[in-house]
PDB file of N, CA and C in Angstrom:
ATOM      1  N   UNK A   1      98.584  95.577  60.917  1.00  0.00           N
ATOM      2  CA  UNK A   1      99.829  94.844  61.022  1.00  0.00           C
ATOM      3  C   UNK A   1     100.002  94.007  59.772  1.00  0.00           C
ATOM      4  N   UNK A   2     101.214  93.927  59.262  1.00  0.00           N
ATOM      5  CA  UNK A   2     101.489  93.191  58.034  1.00  0.00           C
ATOM      6  C   UNK A   2     101.241  91.707  58.226  1.00  0.00           C
ATOM      7  N   UNK A   3     100.824  91.062  57.151  1.00  0.00           N
ATOM      8  CA  UNK A   3     100.616  89.621  57.203  1.00  0.00           C
ATOM      9  C   UNK A   3     101.924  88.929  57.548  1.00  0.00           C
ATOM     10  N   UNK A   4     101.858  87.969  58.425  1.00  0.00           N
ATOM     11  CA  UNK A   4     103.031  87.207  58.804  1.00  0.00           C
ATOM     12  C   UNK A   4     103.871  87.844  59.901  1.00  0.00           C
ATOM     13  N   UNK A   5     103.562  89.070  60.290  1.00  0.00           N
ATOM     14  CA  UNK A   5     104.308  89.729  61.359  1.00  0.00           C
ATOM     15  C   UNK A   5     103.560  89.519  62.662  1.00  0.00           C
ATOM     16  N   UNK A   6     104.224  88.926  63.618  1.00  0.00           N
ATOM     17  CA  UNK A   6     103.591  88.669  64.907  1.00  0.00           C
ATOM     18  C   UNK A   6     103.749  89.874  65.819  1.00  0.00           C
ATOM     19  N   UNK A   7     102.739  90.139  66.655  1.00  0.00           N
ATOM     20  CA  UNK A   7     102.901  91.196  67.649  1.00  0.00           C
ATOM     21  C   UNK A   7     104.073  90.861  68.562  1.00  0.00           C
ATOM     22  N   UNK A   8     104.675  91.888  69.156  1.00  0.00           N
ATOM     23  CA  UNK A   8     105.849  91.697  70.001  1.00  0.00           C
ATOM     24  C   UNK A   8     105.604  90.678  71.100  1.00  0.00           C
ATOM     25  N   UNK A   9     104.398  90.658  71.669  1.00  0.00           N
ATOM     26  CA  UNK A   9     104.134  89.740  72.775  1.00  0.00           C
ATOM     27  C   UNK A   9     104.214  88.289  72.324  1.00  0.00           C
ATOM     28  N   UNK A  10     104.088  88.034  71.036  1.00  0.00           N
ATOM     29  CA  UNK A  10     104.181  86.675  70.522  1.00  0.00           C
ATOM     30  C   UNK A  10     105.593  86.333  70.056  1.00  0.00           C
ATOM     31  N   UNK A  11     106.514  87.289  70.076  1.00  0.00           N
ATOM     32  CA  UNK A  11     107.860  87.014  69.604  1.00  0.00           C
ATOM     33  C   UNK A  11     108.885  87.083  70.726  1.00  0.00           C
ATOM     34  N   UNK A  12     108.428  87.095  71.965  1.00  0.00           N
ATOM     35  CA  UNK A  12     109.349  87.108  73.095  1.00  0.00           C
ATOM     36  C   UNK A  12     110.082  85.777  73.162  1.00  0.00           C
ATOM     37  N   UNK A  13     111.285  85.790  73.710  1.00  0.00           N
ATOM     38  CA  UNK A  13     112.014  84.531  73.840  1.00  0.00           C
ATOM     39  C   UNK A  13     111.209  83.533  74.661  1.00  0.00           C
ATOM     40  N   UNK A  14     111.134  82.304  74.199  1.00  0.00           N
ATOM     41  CA  UNK A  14     110.395  81.276  74.923  1.00  0.00           C
ATOM     42  C   UNK A  14     111.345  80.250  75.523  1.00  0.00           C
ATOM     43  N   UNK A  15     112.632  80.413  75.348  1.00  0.00           N
ATOM     44  CA  UNK A  15     113.619  79.508  75.904  1.00  0.00           C
ATOM     45  C   UNK A  15     113.601  79.623  77.425  1.00  0.00           C
ATOM     46  N   UNK A  16     113.315  78.527  78.148  1.00  0.00           N
ATOM     47  CA  UNK A  16     113.251  78.607  79.606  1.00  0.00           C
ATOM     48  C   UNK A  16     114.595  78.976  80.244  1.00  0.00           C
ATOM     49  N   UNK A  17     115.672  78.890  79.494  1.00  0.00           N
ATOM     50  CA  UNK A  17     116.990  79.252  80.016  1.00  0.00           C
ATOM     51  C   UNK A  17     117.207  80.772  79.992  1.00  0.00           C
ATOM     52  N   UNK A  18     116.364  81.489  79.239  1.00  0.00           N
ATOM     53  CA  UNK A  18     116.498  82.939  79.146  1.00  0.00           C
ATOM     54  C   UNK A  18     115.651  83.577  80.247  1.00  0.00           C
ATOM     55  N   UNK A  19     116.311  84.293  81.140  1.00  0.00           N
ATOM     56  CA  UNK A  19     115.597  84.965  82.222  1.00  0.00           C
ATOM     57  C   UNK A  19     114.934  86.223  81.677  1.00  0.00           C
ATOM     58  N   UNK A  20     113.631  86.321  81.836  1.00  0.00           N
ATOM     59  CA  UNK A  20     112.889  87.485  81.384  1.00  0.00           C
ATOM     60  C   UNK A  20     112.269  88.146  82.612  1.00  0.00           C
ATOM     61  N   UNK A  21     112.726  89.348  82.956  1.00  0.00           N
ATOM     62  CA  UNK A  21     112.139  90.019  84.120  1.00  0.00           C
ATOM     63  C   UNK A  21     110.679  90.372  83.856  1.00  0.00           C
ATOM     64  N   UNK A  22     109.957  90.601  84.933  1.00  0.00           N
ATOM     65  CA  UNK A  22     108.557  91.002  84.828  1.00  0.00           C
ATOM     66  C   UNK A  22     108.382  92.330  85.550  1.00  0.00           C
ATOM     67  N   UNK A  23     107.451  93.117  85.058  1.00  0.00           N
ATOM     68  CA  UNK A  23     107.215  94.445  85.617  1.00  0.00           C
ATOM     69  C   UNK A  23     105.764  94.583  86.052  1.00  0.00           C
ATOM     70  N   UNK A  24     105.583  94.979  87.297  1.00  0.00           N
ATOM     71  CA  UNK A  24     104.251  95.246  87.830  1.00  0.00           C
ATOM     72  C   UNK A  24     104.024  96.755  87.729  1.00  0.00           C
ATOM     73  N   UNK A  25     102.980  97.127  87.005  1.00  0.00           N
ATOM     74  CA  UNK A  25     102.573  98.520  86.866  1.00  0.00           C
ATOM     75  C   UNK A  25     101.432  98.744  87.853  1.00  0.00           C
ATOM     76  N   UNK A  26     101.561  99.758  88.661  1.00  0.00           N
ATOM     77  CA  UNK A  26     100.587 100.028  89.717  1.00  0.00           C
ATOM     78  C   UNK A  26     100.226 101.507  89.675  1.00  0.00           C
ATOM     79  N   UNK A  27      98.928 101.786  89.720  1.00  0.00           N
ATOM     80  CA  UNK A  27      98.450 103.163  89.758  1.00  0.00           C
ATOM     81  C   UNK A  27      97.431 103.253  90.884  1.00  0.00           C
ATOM     82  N   UNK A  28      97.442 104.374  91.612  1.00  0.00           N
ATOM     83  CA  UNK A  28      96.497 104.526  92.715  1.00  0.00           C
ATOM     84  C   UNK A  28      96.006 105.955  92.838  1.00  0.00           C
ATOM     85  N   UNK A  29      94.727 106.069  93.140  1.00  0.00           N
ATOM     86  CA  UNK A  29      94.140 107.327  93.569  1.00  0.00           C
ATOM     87  C   UNK A  29      94.139 107.275  95.090  1.00  0.00           C
ATOM     88  N   UNK A  30      95.001 108.044  95.708  1.00  0.00           N
ATOM     89  CA  UNK A  30      95.137 108.030  97.161  1.00  0.00           C
ATOM     90  C   UNK A  30      94.060 108.921  97.764  1.00  0.00           C
ATOM     91  N   UNK A  31      93.265 108.335  98.669  1.00  0.00           N
ATOM     92  CA  UNK A  31      92.179 109.071  99.313  1.00  0.00           C
ATOM     93  C   UNK A  31      92.458 109.361 100.787  1.00  0.00           C
ATOM     94  N   UNK A  32      93.367 108.607 101.387  1.00  0.00           N
ATOM     95  CA  UNK A  32      93.742 108.814 102.793  1.00  0.00           C
ATOM     96  C   UNK A  32      95.268 108.713 102.882  1.00  0.00           C
ATOM     97  N   UNK A  33      95.968 109.834 102.737  1.00  0.00           N
ATOM     98  CA  UNK A  33      97.433 109.813 102.703  1.00  0.00           C
ATOM     99  C   UNK A  33      98.090 109.221 103.953  1.00  0.00           C
ATOM    100  N   UNK A  34      97.509 109.399 105.108  1.00  0.00           N
ATOM    101  CA  UNK A  34      98.101 108.873 106.341  1.00  0.00           C
ATOM    102  C   UNK A  34      98.066 107.345 106.334  1.00  0.00           C
ATOM    103  N   UNK A  35      96.906 106.771 106.057  1.00  0.00           N
ATOM    104  CA  UNK A  35      96.795 105.312 105.994  1.00  0.00           C
ATOM    105  C   UNK A  35      97.610 104.748 104.839  1.00  0.00           C
ATOM    106  N   UNK A  36      97.709 105.494 103.749  1.00  0.00           N
ATOM    107  CA  UNK A  36      98.463 105.027 102.597  1.00  0.00           C
ATOM    108  C   UNK A  36      99.955 104.920 102.916  1.00  0.00           C
ATOM    109  N   UNK A  37     100.470 105.809 103.744  1.00  0.00           N
ATOM    110  CA  UNK A  37     101.879 105.724 104.148  1.00  0.00           C
ATOM    111  C   UNK A  37     102.160 104.423 104.891  1.00  0.00           C
ATOM    112  N   UNK A  38     101.216 103.966 105.699  1.00  0.00           N
ATOM    113  CA  UNK A  38     101.373 102.688 106.406  1.00  0.00           C
ATOM    114  C   UNK A  38     101.406 101.560 105.388  1.00  0.00           C
ATOM    115  N   UNK A  39     100.501 101.590 104.417  1.00  0.00           N
ATOM    116  CA  UNK A  39     100.490 100.584 103.358  1.00  0.00           C
ATOM    117  C   UNK A  39     101.828 100.565 102.624  1.00  0.00           C
ATOM    118  N   UNK A  40     102.336 101.730 102.245  1.00  0.00           N
ATOM    119  CA  UNK A  40     103.592 101.796 101.496  1.00  0.00           C
ATOM    120  C   UNK A  40     104.730 101.123 102.250  1.00  0.00           C
ATOM    121  N   UNK A  41     104.824 101.384 103.540  1.00  0.00           N
ATOM    122  CA  UNK A  41     105.903 100.793 104.337  1.00  0.00           C
ATOM    123  C   UNK A  41     105.767  99.275 104.396  1.00  0.00           C
ATOM    124  N   UNK A  42     104.565  98.801 104.578  1.00  0.00           N
ATOM    125  CA  UNK A  42     104.345  97.342 104.648  1.00  0.00           C
ATOM    126  C   UNK A  42     104.560  96.686 103.291  1.00  0.00           C
ATOM    127  N   UNK A  43     104.078  97.328 102.230  1.00  0.00           N
ATOM    128  CA  UNK A  43     104.235  96.756 100.889  1.00  0.00           C
ATOM    129  C   UNK A  43     105.700  96.679 100.495  1.00  0.00           C
ATOM    130  N   UNK A  44     106.477  97.683 100.855  1.00  0.00           N
ATOM    131  CA  UNK A  44     107.894  97.700 100.483  1.00  0.00           C
ATOM    132  C   UNK A  44     108.615  96.465 101.007  1.00  0.00           C
ATOM    133  N   UNK A  45     108.333  96.083 102.230  1.00  0.00           N
ATOM    134  CA  UNK A  45     108.968  94.896 102.822  1.00  0.00           C
ATOM    135  C   UNK A  45     108.592  93.654 102.018  1.00  0.00           C
ATOM    136  N   UNK A  46     107.325  93.533 101.632  1.00  0.00           N
ATOM    137  CA  UNK A  46     106.898  92.337 100.905  1.00  0.00           C
ATOM    138  C   UNK A  46     107.525  92.263  99.522  1.00  0.00           C
ATOM    139  N   UNK A  47     107.705  93.413  98.876  1.00  0.00           N
ATOM    140  CA  UNK A  47     108.341  93.438  97.549  1.00  0.00           C
ATOM    141  C   UNK A  47     109.767  92.916  97.657  1.00  0.00           C
ATOM    142  N   UNK A  48     110.523  93.441  98.612  1.00  0.00           N
ATOM    143  CA  UNK A  48     111.926  93.008  98.782  1.00  0.00           C
ATOM    144  C   UNK A  48     112.001  91.526  99.132  1.00  0.00           C
ATOM    145  N   UNK A  49     111.142  91.075 100.042  1.00  0.00           N
ATOM    146  CA  UNK A  49     111.164  89.660 100.451  1.00  0.00           C
ATOM    147  C   UNK A  49     110.832  88.723  99.301  1.00  0.00           C
ATOM    148  N   UNK A  50     110.069  89.216  98.325  1.00  0.00           N
ATOM    149  CA  UNK A  50     109.685  88.395  97.176  1.00  0.00           C
ATOM    150  C   UNK A  50     110.684  88.498  96.022  1.00  0.00           C
ATOM    151  N   UNK A  51     111.788  89.195  96.239  1.00  0.00           N
ATOM    152  CA  UNK A  51     112.811  89.306  95.203  1.00  0.00           C
ATOM    153  C   UNK A  51     112.580  90.440  94.230  1.00  0.00           C
ATOM    154  N   UNK A  52     111.666  91.347  94.569  1.00  0.00           N
ATOM    155  CA  UNK A  52     111.385  92.466  93.688  1.00  0.00           C
ATOM    156  C   UNK A  52     112.128  93.720  94.102  1.00  0.00           C
ATOM    157  N   UNK A  53     112.018  94.732  93.233  1.00  0.00           N
ATOM    158  CA  UNK A  53     112.620  96.027  93.551  1.00  0.00           C
ATOM    159  C   UNK A  53     111.776  97.128  92.907  1.00  0.00           C
ATOM    160  N   UNK A  54     111.832  98.289  93.529  1.00  0.00           N
ATOM    161  CA  UNK A  54     111.137  99.452  92.975  1.00  0.00           C
ATOM    162  C   UNK A  54     111.999 100.061  91.873  1.00  0.00           C
ATOM    163  N   UNK A  55     111.398 100.284  90.725  1.00  0.00           N
ATOM    164  CA  UNK A  55     112.055 100.982  89.619  1.00  0.00           C
ATOM    165  C   UNK A  55     111.593 102.444  89.631  1.00  0.00           C
ATOM    166  N   UNK A  56     110.296 102.633  89.836  1.00  0.00           N
ATOM    167  CA  UNK A  56     109.691 103.965  89.950  1.00  0.00           C
ATOM    168  C   UNK A  56     108.768 103.923  91.153  1.00  0.00           C
ATOM    169  N   UNK A  57     108.822 104.977  91.946  1.00  0.00           N
ATOM    170  CA  UNK A  57     107.948 105.035  93.121  1.00  0.00           C
ATOM    171  C   UNK A  57     107.426 106.456  93.275  1.00  0.00           C
ATOM    172  N   UNK A  58     106.377 106.747  92.518  1.00  0.00           N
ATOM    173  CA  UNK A  58     105.797 108.081  92.555  1.00  0.00           C
ATOM    174  C   UNK A  58     106.659 109.072  91.794  1.00  0.00           C
ATOM    175  N   UNK A  59     106.585 110.319  92.204  1.00  0.00           N
ATOM    176  CA  UNK A  59     107.362 111.363  91.543  1.00  0.00           C
ATOM    177  C   UNK A  59     106.492 112.205  90.636  1.00  0.00           C
ATOM    178  N   UNK A  60     107.095 113.224  90.078  1.00  0.00           N
ATOM    179  CA  UNK A  60     106.399 114.129  89.171  1.00  0.00           C
ATOM    180  C   UNK A  60     106.710 113.740  87.732  1.00  0.00           C
ATOM    181  N   UNK A  61     105.726 113.180  87.029  1.00  0.00           N
ATOM    182  CA  UNK A  61     105.982 112.752  85.649  1.00  0.00           C
ATOM    183  C   UNK A  61     106.120 113.929  84.693  1.00  0.00           C
ATOM    184  N   UNK A  62     106.903 113.733  83.680  1.00  0.00           N
ATOM    185  CA  UNK A  62     107.024 114.688  82.581  1.00  0.00           C
ATOM    186  C   UNK A  62     106.232 114.099  81.424  1.00  0.00           C
ATOM    187  N   UNK A  63     105.155 114.743  81.062  1.00  0.00           N
ATOM    188  CA  UNK A  63     104.277 114.222  80.020  1.00  0.00           C
ATOM    189  C   UNK A  63     104.936 114.370  78.658  1.00  0.00           C
ATOM    190  N   UNK A  64     105.017 113.272  77.939  1.00  0.00           N
ATOM    191  CA  UNK A  64     105.582 113.275  76.594  1.00  0.00           C
ATOM    192  C   UNK A  64     104.492 113.292  75.528  1.00  0.00           C
ATOM    193  N   UNK A  65     103.344 112.707  75.869  1.00  0.00           N
ATOM    194  CA  UNK A  65     102.250 112.646  74.906  1.00  0.00           C
ATOM    195  C   UNK A  65     100.955 112.410  75.665  1.00  0.00           C
ATOM    196  N   UNK A  66      99.875 112.977  75.198  1.00  0.00           N
ATOM    197  CA  UNK A  66      98.574 112.773  75.830  1.00  0.00           C
ATOM    198  C   UNK A  66      98.433 113.538  77.139  1.00  0.00           C
ATOM    199  N   UNK A  67      97.434 113.136  77.888  1.00  0.00           N
ATOM    200  CA  UNK A  67      97.148 113.781  79.163  1.00  0.00           C
ATOM    201  C   UNK A  67      98.124 113.290  80.237  1.00  0.00           C
ATOM    202  N   UNK A  68      98.513 114.173  81.147  1.00  0.00           N
ATOM    203  CA  UNK A  68      99.403 113.731  82.232  1.00  0.00           C
ATOM    204  C   UNK A  68      98.665 112.793  83.179  1.00  0.00           C
ATOM    205  N   UNK A  69      99.377 111.852  83.769  1.00  0.00           N
ATOM    206  CA  UNK A  69      98.727 110.951  84.724  1.00  0.00           C
ATOM    207  C   UNK A  69      98.292 111.719  85.967  1.00  0.00           C
ATOM    208  N   UNK A  70      97.182 111.314  86.514  1.00  0.00           N
ATOM    209  CA  UNK A  70      96.666 111.953  87.717  1.00  0.00           C
ATOM    210  C   UNK A  70      96.780 111.042  88.930  1.00  0.00           C
ATOM    211  N   UNK A  71      97.221 109.826  88.718  1.00  0.00           N
ATOM    212  CA  UNK A  71      97.302 108.837  89.791  1.00  0.00           C
ATOM    213  C   UNK A  71      98.758 108.606  90.175  1.00  0.00           C
ATOM    214  N   UNK A  72      98.954 108.135  91.390  1.00  0.00           N
ATOM    215  CA  UNK A  72     100.288 107.746  91.831  1.00  0.00           C
ATOM    216  C   UNK A  72     100.713 106.546  90.998  1.00  0.00           C
ATOM    217  N   UNK A  73     101.928 106.583  90.471  1.00  0.00           N
ATOM    218  CA  UNK A  73     102.425 105.516  89.612  1.00  0.00           C
ATOM    219  C   UNK A  73     103.636 104.853  90.246  1.00  0.00           C
ATOM    220  N   UNK A  74     103.620 103.511  90.243  1.00  0.00           N
ATOM    221  CA  UNK A  74     104.727 102.721  90.775  1.00  0.00           C
ATOM    222  C   UNK A  74     105.049 101.646  89.747  1.00  0.00           C
ATOM    223  N   UNK A  75     106.329 101.374  89.573  1.00  0.00           N
ATOM    224  CA  UNK A  75     106.786 100.309  88.686  1.00  0.00           C
ATOM    225  C   UNK A  75     107.715  99.410  89.490  1.00  0.00           C
ATOM    226  N   UNK A  76     107.364  98.131  89.552  1.00  0.00           N
ATOM    227  CA  UNK A  76     108.171  97.137  90.267  1.00  0.00           C
ATOM    228  C   UNK A  76     108.785  96.174  89.262  1.00  0.00           C
ATOM    229  N   UNK A  77     109.965  95.672  89.596  1.00  0.00           N
ATOM    230  CA  UNK A  77     110.608  94.655  88.762  1.00  0.00           C
ATOM    231  C   UNK A  77     110.778  93.391  89.583  1.00  0.00           C
ATOM    232  N   UNK A  78     110.432  92.253  88.986  1.00  0.00           N
ATOM    233  CA  UNK A  78     110.614  90.939  89.600  1.00  0.00           C
ATOM    234  C   UNK A  78     111.414  90.061  88.647  1.00  0.00           C
ATOM    235  N   UNK A  79     112.003  88.989  89.149  1.00  0.00           N
ATOM    236  CA  UNK A  79     112.802  88.121  88.274  1.00  0.00           C
ATOM    237  C   UNK A  79     112.020  87.546  87.087  1.00  0.00           C
ATOM    238  N   UNK A  80     110.719  87.285  87.291  1.00  0.00           N
ATOM    239  CA  UNK A  80     109.888  86.751  86.212  1.00  0.00           C
ATOM    240  C   UNK A  80     108.418  86.927  86.589  1.00  0.00           C
ATOM    241  N   UNK A  81     107.532  86.583  85.662  1.00  0.00           N
ATOM    242  CA  UNK A  81     106.096  86.748  85.889  1.00  0.00           C
ATOM    243  C   UNK A  81     105.633  85.903  87.065  1.00  0.00           C
ATOM    244  N   UNK A  82     106.149  84.685  87.177  1.00  0.00           N
ATOM    245  CA  UNK A  82     105.745  83.821  88.289  1.00  0.00           C
ATOM    246  C   UNK A  82     106.074  84.458  89.635  1.00  0.00           C
ATOM    247  N   UNK A  83     107.243  85.066  89.746  1.00  0.00           N
ATOM    248  CA  UNK A  83     107.637  85.726  90.999  1.00  0.00           C
ATOM    249  C   UNK A  83     106.724  86.913  91.291  1.00  0.00           C
ATOM    250  N   UNK A  84     106.360  87.670  90.261  1.00  0.00           N
ATOM    251  CA  UNK A  84     105.465  88.810  90.453  1.00  0.00           C
ATOM    252  C   UNK A  84     104.092  88.347  90.918  1.00  0.00           C
ATOM    253  N   UNK A  85     103.569  87.315  90.293  1.00  0.00           N
ATOM    254  CA  UNK A  85     102.264  86.801  90.682  1.00  0.00           C
ATOM    255  C   UNK A  85     102.305  86.189  92.083  1.00  0.00           C
ATOM    256  N   UNK A  86     103.391  85.507  92.400  1.00  0.00           N
ATOM    257  CA  UNK A  86     103.525  84.927  93.739  1.00  0.00           C
ATOM    258  C   UNK A  86     103.544  86.021  94.797  1.00  0.00           C
ATOM    259  N   UNK A  87     104.239  87.121  94.508  1.00  0.00           N
ATOM    260  CA  UNK A  87     104.246  88.254  95.445  1.00  0.00           C
ATOM    261  C   UNK A  87     102.832  88.797  95.624  1.00  0.00           C
ATOM    262  N   UNK A  88     102.146  89.062  94.518  1.00  0.00           N
ATOM    263  CA  UNK A  88     100.835  89.701  94.590  1.00  0.00           C
ATOM    264  C   UNK A  88      99.821  88.839  95.333  1.00  0.00           C
ATOM    265  N   UNK A  89      99.925  87.531  95.205  1.00  0.00           N
ATOM    266  CA  UNK A  89      98.963  86.627  95.847  1.00  0.00           C
ATOM    267  C   UNK A  89      99.443  86.113  97.205  1.00  0.00           C
ATOM    268  N   UNK A  90     100.589  86.600  97.660  1.00  0.00           N
ATOM    269  CA  UNK A  90     101.144  86.122  98.941  1.00  0.00           C
ATOM    270  C   UNK A  90     100.328  86.616 100.131  1.00  0.00           C
ATOM    271  N   UNK A  91     100.393  85.855 101.217  1.00  0.00           N
ATOM    272  CA  UNK A  91      99.739  86.267 102.459  1.00  0.00           C
ATOM    273  C   UNK A  91     100.335  87.571 102.970  1.00  0.00           C
ATOM    274  N   UNK A  92     101.642  87.729 102.819  1.00  0.00           N
ATOM    275  CA  UNK A  92     102.308  88.939 103.315  1.00  0.00           C
ATOM    276  C   UNK A  92     101.783  90.178 102.602  1.00  0.00           C
ATOM    277  N   UNK A  93     101.653  90.107 101.274  1.00  0.00           N
ATOM    278  CA  UNK A  93     101.143  91.274 100.559  1.00  0.00           C
ATOM    279  C   UNK A  93      99.656  91.470 100.819  1.00  0.00           C
ATOM    280  N   UNK A  94      98.908  90.389 101.007  1.00  0.00           N
ATOM    281  CA  UNK A  94      97.475  90.522 101.322  1.00  0.00           C
ATOM    282  C   UNK A  94      97.284  91.333 102.601  1.00  0.00           C
ATOM    283  N   UNK A  95      98.157  91.111 103.572  1.00  0.00           N
ATOM    284  CA  UNK A  95      98.085  91.872 104.820  1.00  0.00           C
ATOM    285  C   UNK A  95      98.390  93.345 104.568  1.00  0.00           C
ATOM    286  N   UNK A  96      99.399  93.622 103.750  1.00  0.00           N
ATOM    287  CA  UNK A  96      99.733  95.007 103.421  1.00  0.00           C
ATOM    288  C   UNK A  96      98.596  95.656 102.641  1.00  0.00           C
ATOM    289  N   UNK A  97      98.069  94.913 101.678  1.00  0.00           N
ATOM    290  CA  UNK A  97      97.003  95.436 100.829  1.00  0.00           C
ATOM    291  C   UNK A  97      95.750  95.744 101.652  1.00  0.00           C
ATOM    292  N   UNK A  98      95.491  94.982 102.700  1.00  0.00           N
ATOM    293  CA  UNK A  98      94.342  95.245 103.562  1.00  0.00           C
ATOM    294  C   UNK A  98      94.456  96.632 104.194  1.00  0.00           C
ATOM    295  N   UNK A  99      95.678  97.071 104.455  1.00  0.00           N
ATOM    296  CA  UNK A  99      95.900  98.410 105.005  1.00  0.00           C
ATOM    297  C   UNK A  99      95.525  99.491 103.991  1.00  0.00           C
ATOM    298  N   UNK A 100      95.611  99.155 102.718  1.00  0.00           N
ATOM    299  CA  UNK A 100      95.298 100.117 101.667  1.00  0.00           C
ATOM    300  C   UNK A 100      93.798 100.322 101.488  1.00  0.00           C
ATOM    301  N   UNK A 101      92.983  99.340 101.916  1.00  0.00           N
ATOM    302  CA  UNK A 101      91.533  99.452 101.782  1.00  0.00           C
ATOM    303  C   UNK A 101      91.052 100.739 102.434  1.00  0.00           C
ATOM    304  N   UNK A 102      90.339 101.538 101.679  1.00  0.00           N
ATOM    305  CA  UNK A 102      89.847 102.803 102.178  1.00  0.00           C
ATOM    306  C   UNK A 102      90.846 103.939 102.064  1.00  0.00           C
ATOM    307  N   UNK A 103      92.104 103.609 101.748  1.00  0.00           N
ATOM    308  CA  UNK A 103      93.141 104.635 101.631  1.00  0.00           C
ATOM    309  C   UNK A 103      93.454 104.966 100.179  1.00  0.00           C
ATOM    310  N   UNK A 104      93.084 104.061  99.262  1.00  0.00           N
ATOM    311  CA  UNK A 104      93.371 104.282  97.847  1.00  0.00           C
ATOM    312  C   UNK A 104      92.542 103.326  96.998  1.00  0.00           C
ATOM    313  N   UNK A 105      92.299 103.743  95.779  1.00  0.00           N
ATOM    314  CA  UNK A 105      91.688 102.889  94.770  1.00  0.00           C
ATOM    315  C   UNK A 105      92.795 102.610  93.769  1.00  0.00           C
ATOM    316  N   UNK A 106      93.103 101.333  93.570  1.00  0.00           N
ATOM    317  CA  UNK A 106      94.294 100.979  92.796  1.00  0.00           C
ATOM    318  C   UNK A 106      93.975 100.113  91.592  1.00  0.00           C
ATOM    319  N   UNK A 107      94.949 100.096  90.684  1.00  0.00           N
ATOM    320  CA  UNK A 107      94.940  99.208  89.524  1.00  0.00           C
ATOM    321  C   UNK A 107      96.352  98.681  89.402  1.00  0.00           C
ATOM    322  N   UNK A 108      96.498  97.383  89.165  1.00  0.00           N
ATOM    323  CA  UNK A 108      97.829  96.788  89.009  1.00  0.00           C
ATOM    324  C   UNK A 108      97.770  95.706  87.937  1.00  0.00           C
ATOM    325  N   UNK A 109      98.876  95.598  87.197  1.00  0.00           N
ATOM    326  CA  UNK A 109      98.990  94.530  86.210  1.00  0.00           C
ATOM    327  C   UNK A 109     100.464  94.217  86.013  1.00  0.00           C
ATOM    328  N   UNK A 110     100.728  93.028  85.484  1.00  0.00           N
ATOM    329  CA  UNK A 110     102.106  92.594  85.261  1.00  0.00           C
ATOM    330  C   UNK A 110     102.311  92.310  83.780  1.00  0.00           C
ATOM    331  N   UNK A 111     103.495  92.677  83.292  1.00  0.00           N
ATOM    332  CA  UNK A 111     103.890  92.381  81.917  1.00  0.00           C
ATOM    333  C   UNK A 111     105.295  91.786  81.935  1.00  0.00           C
ATOM    334  N   UNK A 112     105.537  90.802  81.071  1.00  0.00           N
ATOM    335  CA  UNK A 112     106.901  90.293  80.973  1.00  0.00           C
ATOM    336  C   UNK A 112     107.792  91.323  80.304  1.00  0.00           C
ATOM    337  N   UNK A 113     109.040  91.353  80.720  1.00  0.00           N
ATOM    338  CA  UNK A 113     110.011  92.250  80.112  1.00  0.00           C
ATOM    339  C   UNK A 113     110.478  91.716  78.776  1.00  0.00           C
ATOM    340  N   UNK A 114     111.495  92.341  78.269  1.00  0.00           N
ATOM    341  CA  UNK A 114     112.021  91.977  76.960  1.00  0.00           C
ATOM    342  C   UNK A 114     113.505  91.725  77.077  1.00  0.00           C
ATOM    343  N   UNK A 115     113.976  90.687  76.473  1.00  0.00           N
ATOM    344  CA  UNK A 115     115.414  90.446  76.382  1.00  0.00           C
ATOM    345  C   UNK A 115     115.759  90.343  74.911  1.00  0.00           C
ATOM    346  N   UNK A 116     116.924  90.862  74.552  1.00  0.00           N
ATOM    347  CA  UNK A 116     117.290  90.799  73.140  1.00  0.00           C
ATOM    348  C   UNK A 116     118.535  89.970  72.958  1.00  0.00           C
TER     349      UNK A 116
END
């Protein structure tokens, strides 16, 4: 990276008046499809109640580069990082997530969106 050029994550708007959405990236290896369907239904309610929405919910990816994903992929959008973290740590989602135990091995992370 050129001297004096900051990575994109350091050049995001920091003005508290600018709403920056946050995106939760979720990947899962589903091991028990029946139990996982119960988790999905419960998780969906918690996402909506927390002000989030599904942007991507599974599907057949079209690989553009590298190896194709082998895990179920979900992308959620929340109003901001705080809302995403509040959802993930909520009692309601903890109950849904407990249903996923033994049904899938998951990875999730949140990134702030970009506004221009």
